[in-house]
All heavy atoms as atom14 arrays in JSON, in Angstrom:
{
  "sequence": "NSQQLKSTKKTQEFEYLVNWVEPGLTIHTTKDYAKEYQRWYFKF",
  "atom14_mask": [
    [1, 1, 1, 1, 1, 1, 1, 1, 0, 0, 0, 0, 0, 0],
    [1, 1, 1, 1, 1, 1, 0, 0, 0, 0, 0, 0, 0, 0],
    [1, 1, 1, 1, 1, 1, 1, 1, 1, 0, 0, 0, 0, 0],
    [1, 1, 1, 1, 1, 1, 1, 1, 1, 0, 0, 0, 0, 0],
    [1, 1, 1, 1, 1, 1, 1, 1, 0, 0, 0, 0, 0, 0],
    [1, 1, 1, 1, 1, 1, 1, 1, 1, 0, 0, 0, 0, 0],
    [1, 1, 1, 1, 1, 1, 0, 0, 0, 0, 0, 0, 0, 0],
    [1, 1, 1, 1, 1, 1, 1, 0, 0, 0, 0, 0, 0, 0],
    [1, 1, 1, 1, 1, 1, 1, 1, 1, 0, 0, 0, 0, 0],
    [1, 1, 1, 1, 1, 1, 1, 1, 1, 0, 0, 0, 0, 0],
    [1, 1, 1, 1, 1, 1, 1, 0, 0, 0, 0, 0, 0, 0],
    [1, 1, 1, 1, 1, 1, 1, 1, 1, 0, 0, 0, 0, 0],
    [1, 1, 1, 1, 1, 1, 1, 1, 1, 0, 0, 0, 0, 0],
    [1, 1, 1, 1, 1, 1, 1, 1, 1, 1, 1, 0, 0, 0],
    [1, 1, 1, 1, 1, 1, 1, 1, 1, 0, 0, 0, 0, 0],
    [1, 1, 1, 1, 1, 1, 1, 1, 1, 1, 1, 1, 0, 0],
    [1, 1, 1, 1, 1, 1, 1, 1, 0, 0, 0, 0, 0, 0],
    [1, 1, 1, 1, 1, 1, 1, 0, 0, 0, 0, 0, 0, 0],
    [1, 1, 1, 1, 1, 1, 1, 1, 0, 0, 0, 0, 0, 0],
    [1, 1, 1, 1, 1, 1, 1, 1, 1, 1, 1, 1, 1, 1],
    [1, 1, 1, 1, 1, 1, 1, 0, 0, 0, 0, 0, 0, 0],
    [1, 1, 1, 1, 1, 1, 1, 1, 1, 0, 0, 0, 0, 0],
    [1, 1, 1, 1, 1, 1, 1, 0, 0, 0, 0, 0, 0, 0],
    [1, 1, 1, 1, 0, 0, 0, 0, 0, 0, 0, 0, 0, 0],
    [1, 1, 1, 1, 1, 1, 1, 1, 0, 0, 0, 0, 0, 0],
    [1, 1, 1, 1, 1, 1, 1, 0, 0, 0, 0, 0, 0, 0],
    [1, 1, 1, 1, 1, 1, 1, 1, 0, 0, 0, 0, 0, 0],
    [1, 1, 1, 1, 1, 1, 1, 1, 1, 1, 0, 0, 0, 0],
    [1, 1, 1, 1, 1, 1, 1, 0, 0, 0, 0, 0, 0, 0],
    [1, 1, 1, 1, 1, 1, 1, 0, 0, 0, 0, 0, 0, 0],
    [1, 1, 1, 1, 1, 1, 1, 1, 1, 0, 0, 0, 0, 0],
    [1, 1, 1, 1, 1, 1, 1, 1, 0, 0, 0, 0, 0, 0],
    [1, 1, 1, 1, 1, 1, 1, 1, 1, 1, 1, 1, 0, 0],
    [1, 1, 1, 1, 1, 0, 0, 0, 0, 0, 0, 0, 0, 0],
    [1, 1, 1, 1, 1, 1, 1, 1, 1, 0, 0, 0, 0, 0],
    [1, 1, 1, 1, 1, 1, 1, 1, 1, 0, 0, 0, 0, 0],
    [1, 1, 1, 1, 1, 1, 1, 1, 1, 1, 1, 1, 0, 0],
    [1, 1, 1, 1, 1, 1, 1, 1, 1, 0, 0, 0, 0, 0],
    [1, 1, 1, 1, 1, 1, 1, 1, 1, 1, 1, 0, 0, 0],
    [1, 1, 1, 1, 1, 1, 1, 1, 1, 1, 1, 1, 1, 1],
    [1, 1, 1, 1, 1, 1, 1, 1, 1, 1, 1, 1, 0, 0],
    [1, 1, 1, 1, 1, 1, 1, 1, 1, 1, 1, 0, 0, 0],
    [1, 1, 1, 1, 1, 1, 1, 1, 1, 0, 0, 0, 0, 0],
    [1, 1, 1, 1, 1, 1, 1, 1, 1, 1, 1, 0, 0, 0]
  ],
  "atom14_positions": [
    [[1.67, -22.13, 10.1], [2.75, -22.5, 9.2], [2.37, -22.22, 7.75], [2.67, -23.04, 6.86], [3.01, -24.03, 9.43], [4.37, -24.42, 8.92], [5.27, -23.62, 8.86], [4.51, -25.65, 8.45], [0.0, 0.0, 0.0], [0.0, 0.0, 0.0], [0.0, 0.0, 0.0], [0.0, 0.0, 0.0], [0.0, 0.0, 0.0], [0.0, 0.0, 0.0]],
    [[1.82, -21.08, 7.51], [1.39, -20.65, 6.2], [2.07, -19.38, 5.84], [1.93, -18.41, 6.64], [-0.05, -20.47, 6.15], [-0.44, -19.79, 4.9], [0.0, 0.0, 0.0], [0.0, 0.0, 0.0], [0.0, 0.0, 0.0], [0.0, 0.0, 0.0], [0.0, 0.0, 0.0], [0.0, 0.0, 0.0], [0.0, 0.0, 0.0], [0.0, 0.0, 0.0]],
    [[2.87, -19.38, 4.84], [3.61, -18.19, 4.46], [3.13, -17.67, 3.06], [3.89, -16.93, 2.42], [5.06, -18.46, 4.41], [5.63, -18.93, 5.79], [7.14, -19.27, 5.76], [7.83, -18.81, 4.84], [7.63, -19.97, 6.73], [0.0, 0.0, 0.0], [0.0, 0.0, 0.0], [0.0, 0.0, 0.0], [0.0, 0.0, 0.0], [0.0, 0.0, 0.0]],
    [[1.85, -17.89, 2.82], [1.31, -17.31, 1.56], [1.01, -15.89, 1.82], [0.32, -15.47, 2.7], [0.03, -18.05, 1.26], [0.21, -19.57, 0.83], [-1.1, -20.15, 0.36], [-2.06, -19.99, 1.04], [-1.1, -20.99, -0.66], [0.0, 0.0, 0.0], [0.0, 0.0, 0.0], [0.0, 0.0, 0.0], [0.0, 0.0, 0.0], [0.0, 0.0, 0.0]],
    [[1.55, -15.07, 0.8], [1.48, -13.65, 0.93], [0.39, -13.11, -0.05], [0.82, -12.83, -1.24], [2.88, -12.97, 0.73], [3.92, -13.42, 1.68], [5.24, -12.87, 1.32], [3.47, -13.07, 3.18], [0.0, 0.0, 0.0], [0.0, 0.0, 0.0], [0.0, 0.0, 0.0], [0.0, 0.0, 0.0], [0.0, 0.0, 0.0], [0.0, 0.0, 0.0]],
    [[-0.87, -13.05, 0.31], [-1.92, -12.72, -0.55], [-2.47, -11.35, -0.23], [-2.54, -11.0, 0.99], [-3.03, -13.77, -0.51], [-2.63, -15.08, -1.1], [-3.77, -16.03, -1.06], [-3.4, -17.39, -1.61], [-4.62, -18.31, -1.64], [0.0, 0.0, 0.0], [0.0, 0.0, 0.0], [0.0, 0.0, 0.0], [0.0, 0.0, 0.0], [0.0, 0.0, 0.0]],
    [[-2.84, -10.55, -1.21], [-3.47, -9.27, -0.94], [-4.95, -9.54, -0.6], [-5.72, -10.03, -1.39], [-3.35, -8.4, -2.22], [-4.04, -7.17, -1.99], [0.0, 0.0, 0.0], [0.0, 0.0, 0.0], [0.0, 0.0, 0.0], [0.0, 0.0, 0.0], [0.0, 0.0, 0.0], [0.0, 0.0, 0.0], [0.0, 0.0, 0.0], [0.0, 0.0, 0.0]],
    [[-5.4, -9.17, 0.6], [-6.7, -9.34, 1.12], [-7.27, -8.01, 1.69], [-6.44, -7.11, 1.82], [-6.75, -10.43, 2.2], [-6.01, -9.94, 3.35], [-6.14, -11.72, 1.7], [0.0, 0.0, 0.0], [0.0, 0.0, 0.0], [0.0, 0.0, 0.0], [0.0, 0.0, 0.0], [0.0, 0.0, 0.0], [0.0, 0.0, 0.0], [0.0, 0.0, 0.0]],
    [[-8.45, -8.0, 2.08], [-8.99, -6.83, 2.74], [-8.22, -6.47, 3.99], [-8.0, -5.33, 4.38], [-10.47, -6.96, 3.05], [-11.38, -6.9, 1.82], [-12.83, -6.92, 2.24], [-13.78, -6.84, 1.01], [-15.16, -6.86, 1.39], [0.0, 0.0, 0.0], [0.0, 0.0, 0.0], [0.0, 0.0, 0.0], [0.0, 0.0, 0.0], [0.0, 0.0, 0.0]],
    [[-7.81, -7.55, 4.72], [-7.04, -7.33, 5.97], [-5.67, -6.71, 5.67], [-5.25, -5.68, 6.41], [-6.88, -8.7, 6.71], [-6.12, -8.47, 8.05], [-5.99, -9.75, 8.81], [-7.42, -10.12, 9.31], [-7.21, -11.41, 10.17], [0.0, 0.0, 0.0], [0.0, 0.0, 0.0], [0.0, 0.0, 0.0], [0.0, 0.0, 0.0], [0.0, 0.0, 0.0]],
    [[-4.97, -7.14, 4.66], [-3.66, -6.58, 4.33], [-3.82, -5.15, 3.73], [-2.93, -4.33, 3.89], [-2.86, -7.47, 3.38], [-3.61, -7.52, 2.12], [-2.7, -8.85, 3.96], [0.0, 0.0, 0.0], [0.0, 0.0, 0.0], [0.0, 0.0, 0.0], [0.0, 0.0, 0.0], [0.0, 0.0, 0.0], [0.0, 0.0, 0.0], [0.0, 0.0, 0.0]],
    [[-4.92, -4.92, 3.01], [-5.1, -3.68, 2.29], [-5.5, -2.5, 3.22], [-5.25, -1.32, 2.9], [-6.18, -3.81, 1.21], [-5.73, -4.72, 0.16], [-6.87, -5.06, -0.89], [-7.99, -4.59, -0.71], [-6.59, -5.96, -1.79], [0.0, 0.0, 0.0], [0.0, 0.0, 0.0], [0.0, 0.0, 0.0], [0.0, 0.0, 0.0], [0.0, 0.0, 0.0]],
    [[-6.05, -2.83, 4.4], [-6.59, -1.69, 5.29], [-5.56, -0.71, 5.56], [-5.81, 0.45, 5.61], [-7.22, -2.33, 6.52], [-7.82, -1.26, 7.52], [-9.04, -0.63, 6.82], [-9.83, -1.22, 6.0], [-9.2, 0.58, 7.09], [0.0, 0.0, 0.0], [0.0, 0.0, 0.0], [0.0, 0.0, 0.0], [0.0, 0.0, 0.0], [0.0, 0.0, 0.0]],
    [[-4.28, -1.12, 5.95], [-3.32, -0.16, 6.3], [-2.06, -0.25, 5.5], [-1.02, 0.29, 5.81], [-2.9, -0.38, 7.85], [-4.07, -0.1, 8.78], [-4.68, -1.03, 9.44], [-4.44, 1.22, 8.96], [-5.72, -0.83, 10.32], [-5.56, 1.47, 9.88], [-6.19, 0.36, 10.54], [0.0, 0.0, 0.0], [0.0, 0.0, 0.0], [0.0, 0.0, 0.0]],
    [[-2.11, -0.85, 4.34], [-0.9, -1.2, 3.53], [-0.2, 0.1, 3.03], [1.07, 0.18, 2.95], [-1.22, -2.04, 2.33], [-2.13, -1.45, 1.32], [-2.55, -2.4, 0.17], [-2.27, -3.55, 0.34], [-3.2, -1.94, -0.73], [0.0, 0.0, 0.0], [0.0, 0.0, 0.0], [0.0, 0.0, 0.0], [0.0, 0.0, 0.0], [0.0, 0.0, 0.0]],
    [[-1.0, 1.16, 2.78], [-0.39, 2.35, 2.3], [0.59, 3.02, 3.24], [1.47, 3.8, 2.88], [-1.56, 3.42, 2.05], [-2.41, 3.63, 3.26], [-2.08, 4.64, 4.15], [-3.51, 2.89, 3.51], [-2.78, 4.9, 5.22], [-4.32, 3.19, 4.63], [-3.98, 4.16, 5.49], [-4.7, 4.4, 6.56], [0.0, 0.0, 0.0], [0.0, 0.0, 0.0]],
    [[0.48, 2.72, 4.55], [1.43, 3.2, 5.51], [2.86, 2.74, 5.26], [3.77, 3.46, 5.64], [1.0, 2.72, 6.9], [-0.28, 3.38, 7.52], [-0.6, 2.69, 8.81], [-0.17, 4.87, 7.69], [0.0, 0.0, 0.0], [0.0, 0.0, 0.0], [0.0, 0.0, 0.0], [0.0, 0.0, 0.0], [0.0, 0.0, 0.0], [0.0, 0.0, 0.0]],
    [[3.0, 1.61, 4.62], [4.35, 1.15, 4.24], [5.04, 2.23, 3.37], [6.24, 2.5, 3.5], [4.26, -0.16, 3.53], [5.73, -0.62, 2.99], [3.75, -1.3, 4.4], [0.0, 0.0, 0.0], [0.0, 0.0, 0.0], [0.0, 0.0, 0.0], [0.0, 0.0, 0.0], [0.0, 0.0, 0.0], [0.0, 0.0, 0.0], [0.0, 0.0, 0.0]],
    [[4.26, 2.74, 2.37], [4.84, 3.74, 1.49], [5.23, 5.02, 2.24], [6.28, 5.64, 1.92], [3.92, 4.06, 0.32], [4.06, 3.09, -0.83], [4.58, 2.02, -0.7], [3.4, 3.44, -1.95], [0.0, 0.0, 0.0], [0.0, 0.0, 0.0], [0.0, 0.0, 0.0], [0.0, 0.0, 0.0], [0.0, 0.0, 0.0], [0.0, 0.0, 0.0]],
    [[4.4, 5.4, 3.17], [4.77, 6.65, 3.91], [6.03, 6.39, 4.76], [6.83, 7.36, 4.94], [3.57, 6.97, 4.95], [2.39, 7.56, 4.26], [1.26, 6.95, 3.8], [2.18, 8.92, 3.98], [0.3, 7.82, 3.29], [0.94, 9.12, 3.36], [2.94, 10.13, 4.24], [0.41, 10.36, 2.95], [2.35, 11.34, 3.82], [1.14, 11.43, 3.21]],
    [[6.16, 5.19, 5.35], [7.34, 4.93, 6.16], [8.58, 4.71, 5.37], [9.73, 5.19, 5.66], [7.08, 3.67, 7.08], [8.31, 3.22, 7.74], [5.98, 3.96, 8.04], [0.0, 0.0, 0.0], [0.0, 0.0, 0.0], [0.0, 0.0, 0.0], [0.0, 0.0, 0.0], [0.0, 0.0, 0.0], [0.0, 0.0, 0.0], [0.0, 0.0, 0.0]],
    [[8.4, 3.92, 4.24], [9.56, 3.59, 3.37], [9.17, 3.91, 1.94], [8.81, 2.97, 1.18], [9.99, 2.15, 3.54], [10.39, 1.85, 4.99], [11.05, 0.48, 5.13], [12.1, 0.22, 4.5], [10.36, -0.37, 5.79], [0.0, 0.0, 0.0], [0.0, 0.0, 0.0], [0.0, 0.0, 0.0], [0.0, 0.0, 0.0], [0.0, 0.0, 0.0]],
    [[9.25, 5.12, 1.47], [8.8, 5.55, 0.14], [9.5, 4.77, -0.96], [8.92, 4.75, -2.12], [9.12, 7.02, 0.08], [9.15, 7.47, 1.53], [9.74, 6.32, 2.25], [0.0, 0.0, 0.0], [0.0, 0.0, 0.0], [0.0, 0.0, 0.0], [0.0, 0.0, 0.0], [0.0, 0.0, 0.0], [0.0, 0.0, 0.0], [0.0, 0.0, 0.0]],
    [[10.62, 4.2, -0.74], [11.29, 3.49, -1.83], [10.75, 2.11, -2.16], [11.09, 1.57, -3.16], [0.0, 0.0, 0.0], [0.0, 0.0, 0.0], [0.0, 0.0, 0.0], [0.0, 0.0, 0.0], [0.0, 0.0, 0.0], [0.0, 0.0, 0.0], [0.0, 0.0, 0.0], [0.0, 0.0, 0.0], [0.0, 0.0, 0.0], [0.0, 0.0, 0.0]],
    [[9.9, 1.61, -1.24], [9.34, 0.29, -1.44], [8.13, 0.39, -2.36], [7.4, 1.31, -2.37], [8.96, -0.31, -0.08], [10.09, -0.56, 0.85], [9.55, -1.2, 2.17], [11.15, -1.53, 0.25], [0.0, 0.0, 0.0], [0.0, 0.0, 0.0], [0.0, 0.0, 0.0], [0.0, 0.0, 0.0], [0.0, 0.0, 0.0], [0.0, 0.0, 0.0]],
    [[7.75, -0.81, -2.96], [6.55, -1.01, -3.72], [5.65, -1.94, -2.92], [6.11, -2.98, -2.43], [6.77, -1.51, -5.09], [7.62, -0.68, -5.83], [5.45, -1.84, -5.89], [0.0, 0.0, 0.0], [0.0, 0.0, 0.0], [0.0, 0.0, 0.0], [0.0, 0.0, 0.0], [0.0, 0.0, 0.0], [0.0, 0.0, 0.0], [0.0, 0.0, 0.0]],
    [[4.37, -1.56, -2.66], [3.53, -2.51, -1.97], [2.79, -3.42, -2.99], [2.32, -2.99, -4.03], [2.44, -1.77, -1.05], [1.71, -0.73, -1.82], [3.13, -1.14, 0.13], [0.54, -0.1, -1.06], [0.0, 0.0, 0.0], [0.0, 0.0, 0.0], [0.0, 0.0, 0.0], [0.0, 0.0, 0.0], [0.0, 0.0, 0.0], [0.0, 0.0, 0.0]],
    [[2.75, -4.67, -2.58], [1.96, -5.6, -3.39], [0.47, -5.53, -2.98], [0.17, -5.7, -1.73], [2.43, -7.06, -3.2], [1.48, -8.02, -3.7], [1.11, -8.15, -5.08], [0.7, -9.01, -3.13], [0.18, -9.09, -5.24], [0.01, -9.65, -4.06], [0.0, 0.0, 0.0], [0.0, 0.0, 0.0], [0.0, 0.0, 0.0], [0.0, 0.0, 0.0]],
    [[-0.41, -5.28, -3.95], [-1.83, -5.16, -3.66], [-2.63, -5.3, -4.88], [-2.1, -5.03, -5.99], [-2.13, -3.77, -2.95], [-3.53, -3.72, -2.65], [-1.8, -2.64, -3.92], [0.0, 0.0, 0.0], [0.0, 0.0, 0.0], [0.0, 0.0, 0.0], [0.0, 0.0, 0.0], [0.0, 0.0, 0.0], [0.0, 0.0, 0.0], [0.0, 0.0, 0.0]],
    [[-3.82, -5.76, -4.71], [-4.71, -5.87, -5.9], [-5.65, -4.69, -5.95], [-6.56, -4.56, -6.72], [-5.55, -7.15, -5.81], [-6.27, -7.19, -4.54], [-4.67, -8.37, -5.94], [0.0, 0.0, 0.0], [0.0, 0.0, 0.0], [0.0, 0.0, 0.0], [0.0, 0.0, 0.0], [0.0, 0.0, 0.0], [0.0, 0.0, 0.0], [0.0, 0.0, 0.0]],
    [[-5.44, -3.74, -4.93], [-6.28, -2.54, -4.86], [-5.69, -1.43, -5.79], [-4.48, -1.35, -5.97], [-6.25, -2.13, -3.4], [-7.02, -0.77, -3.11], [-6.97, -0.47, -1.66], [-7.47, 0.89, -1.34], [-8.86, 1.01, -1.71], [0.0, 0.0, 0.0], [0.0, 0.0, 0.0], [0.0, 0.0, 0.0], [0.0, 0.0, 0.0], [0.0, 0.0, 0.0]],
    [[-6.52, -0.53, -6.24], [-6.08, 0.65, -6.94], [-6.19, 1.89, -6.09], [-6.97, 1.93, -5.14], [-6.93, 0.87, -8.24], [-6.31, 1.85, -9.22], [-5.08, 2.07, -9.11], [-7.07, 2.24, -10.13], [0.0, 0.0, 0.0], [0.0, 0.0, 0.0], [0.0, 0.0, 0.0], [0.0, 0.0, 0.0], [0.0, 0.0, 0.0], [0.0, 0.0, 0.0]],
    [[-5.29, 2.85, -6.31], [-5.25, 4.14, -5.49], [-5.47, 5.31, -6.39], [-4.93, 5.47, -7.37], [-3.88, 4.17, -4.77], [-3.78, 3.31, -3.61], [-3.44, 1.97, -3.79], [-4.19, 3.71, -2.36], [-3.33, 1.07, -2.72], [-4.07, 2.85, -1.27], [-3.64, 1.49, -1.45], [-3.55, 0.63, -0.3], [0.0, 0.0, 0.0], [0.0, 0.0, 0.0]],
    [[-6.51, 6.12, -5.99], [-6.9, 7.27, -6.72], [-5.77, 8.27, -7.0], [-4.84, 8.47, -6.1], [-8.09, 7.97, -6.05], [0.0, 0.0, 0.0], [0.0, 0.0, 0.0], [0.0, 0.0, 0.0], [0.0, 0.0, 0.0], [0.0, 0.0, 0.0], [0.0, 0.0, 0.0], [0.0, 0.0, 0.0], [0.0, 0.0, 0.0], [0.0, 0.0, 0.0]],
    [[-5.77, 8.9, -8.08], [-4.71, 9.87, -8.47], [-4.68, 11.06, -7.45], [-3.63, 11.59, -7.09], [-4.94, 10.42, -9.87], [-4.83, 9.44, -10.94], [-3.46, 8.84, -10.96], [-3.29, 7.84, -12.11], [-1.88, 7.18, -12.19], [0.0, 0.0, 0.0], [0.0, 0.0, 0.0], [0.0, 0.0, 0.0], [0.0, 0.0, 0.0], [0.0, 0.0, 0.0]],
    [[-5.86, 11.54, -6.98], [-5.9, 12.58, -6.0], [-5.14, 12.17, -4.71], [-4.46, 13.08, -4.21], [-7.33, 12.89, -5.65], [-7.58, 14.14, -4.75], [-8.98, 14.52, -4.49], [-9.84, 13.59, -4.62], [-9.22, 15.62, -4.15], [0.0, 0.0, 0.0], [0.0, 0.0, 0.0], [0.0, 0.0, 0.0], [0.0, 0.0, 0.0], [0.0, 0.0, 0.0]],
    [[-5.31, 10.98, -4.28], [-4.58, 10.55, -3.08], [-3.04, 10.45, -3.4], [-2.31, 10.84, -2.51], [-5.1, 9.21, -2.64], [-4.28, 8.57, -1.5], [-4.33, 9.09, -0.17], [-3.38, 7.57, -1.63], [-3.63, 8.62, 0.82], [-2.64, 7.04, -0.65], [-2.73, 7.58, 0.63], [-2.01, 7.06, 1.61], [0.0, 0.0, 0.0], [0.0, 0.0, 0.0]],
    [[-2.75, 9.97, -4.56], [-1.32, 9.88, -4.89], [-0.58, 11.26, -4.93], [0.52, 11.38, -4.63], [-1.17, 9.14, -6.16], [-1.64, 7.63, -6.18], [-1.21, 6.88, -7.5], [-0.09, 6.95, -7.92], [-2.22, 6.18, -7.99], [0.0, 0.0, 0.0], [0.0, 0.0, 0.0], [0.0, 0.0, 0.0], [0.0, 0.0, 0.0], [0.0, 0.0, 0.0]],
    [[-1.37, 12.24, -5.45], [-0.78, 13.61, -5.47], [-0.54, 14.13, -3.99], [0.43, 14.77, -3.71], [-1.65, 14.52, -6.21], [-1.63, 14.29, -7.78], [-2.4, 15.45, -8.46], [-3.82, 15.39, -8.27], [-4.61, 14.74, -9.09], [-4.21, 14.04, -10.14], [-5.97, 14.79, -8.84], [0.0, 0.0, 0.0], [0.0, 0.0, 0.0], [0.0, 0.0, 0.0]],
    [[-1.54, 13.75, -3.21], [-1.38, 14.21, -1.68], [-0.14, 13.49, -1.12], [0.67, 14.17, -0.44], [-2.64, 13.83, -0.94], [-2.51, 14.05, 0.46], [-2.46, 13.11, 1.52], [-2.56, 15.26, 1.24], [-2.34, 13.65, 2.7], [-2.45, 15.01, 2.6], [-2.6, 16.67, 0.73], [-2.39, 15.98, 3.52], [-2.56, 17.64, 1.71], [-2.45, 17.3, 3.15]],
    [[0.02, 12.29, -1.35], [1.2, 11.51, -0.89], [2.49, 12.16, -1.39], [3.49, 12.31, -0.6], [1.05, 10.06, -1.26], [2.27, 9.25, -1.12], [2.56, 8.68, 0.13], [3.16, 9.02, -2.13], [3.69, 7.83, 0.29], [4.33, 8.23, -1.99], [4.61, 7.69, -0.79], [5.72, 6.93, -0.63], [0.0, 0.0, 0.0], [0.0, 0.0, 0.0]],
    [[2.55, 12.46, -2.68], [3.72, 13.07, -3.24], [4.08, 14.41, -2.58], [5.31, 14.73, -2.49], [3.55, 13.32, -4.75], [4.71, 13.82, -5.54], [5.72, 12.98, -5.9], [4.85, 15.21, -5.71], [6.85, 13.52, -6.58], [5.97, 15.69, -6.39], [6.98, 14.8, -6.85], [0.0, 0.0, 0.0], [0.0, 0.0, 0.0], [0.0, 0.0, 0.0]],
    [[3.14, 15.18, -2.16], [3.43, 16.44, -1.49], [4.38, 16.28, -0.32], [5.15, 17.19, -0.11], [2.14, 17.04, -1.02], [2.13, 18.32, -0.23], [0.87, 18.77, 0.29], [0.91, 20.01, 1.18], [1.16, 21.22, 0.4], [0.0, 0.0, 0.0], [0.0, 0.0, 0.0], [0.0, 0.0, 0.0], [0.0, 0.0, 0.0], [0.0, 0.0, 0.0]],
    [[4.31, 15.2, 0.36], [5.16, 15.04, 1.58], [6.4, 14.2, 1.37], [7.42, 14.27, 2.06], [4.29, 14.47, 2.7], [3.19, 15.37, 3.14], [1.95, 15.25, 2.67], [3.44, 16.39, 4.05], [0.95, 16.13, 3.0], [2.42, 17.24, 4.39], [1.14, 17.09, 3.89], [0.0, 0.0, 0.0], [0.0, 0.0, 0.0], [0.0, 0.0, 0.0]]
  ]
}
């Protein structure tokens, strides 16, 4: 009965897949993503 939505190691492990599936969404995370990875994502 807990609906707290916190960024944790568990949520961060696969969170980037949300962007691949729905590029229009923004993911909530306390993690940073390298520019090199972001450029790779933009390619597709």
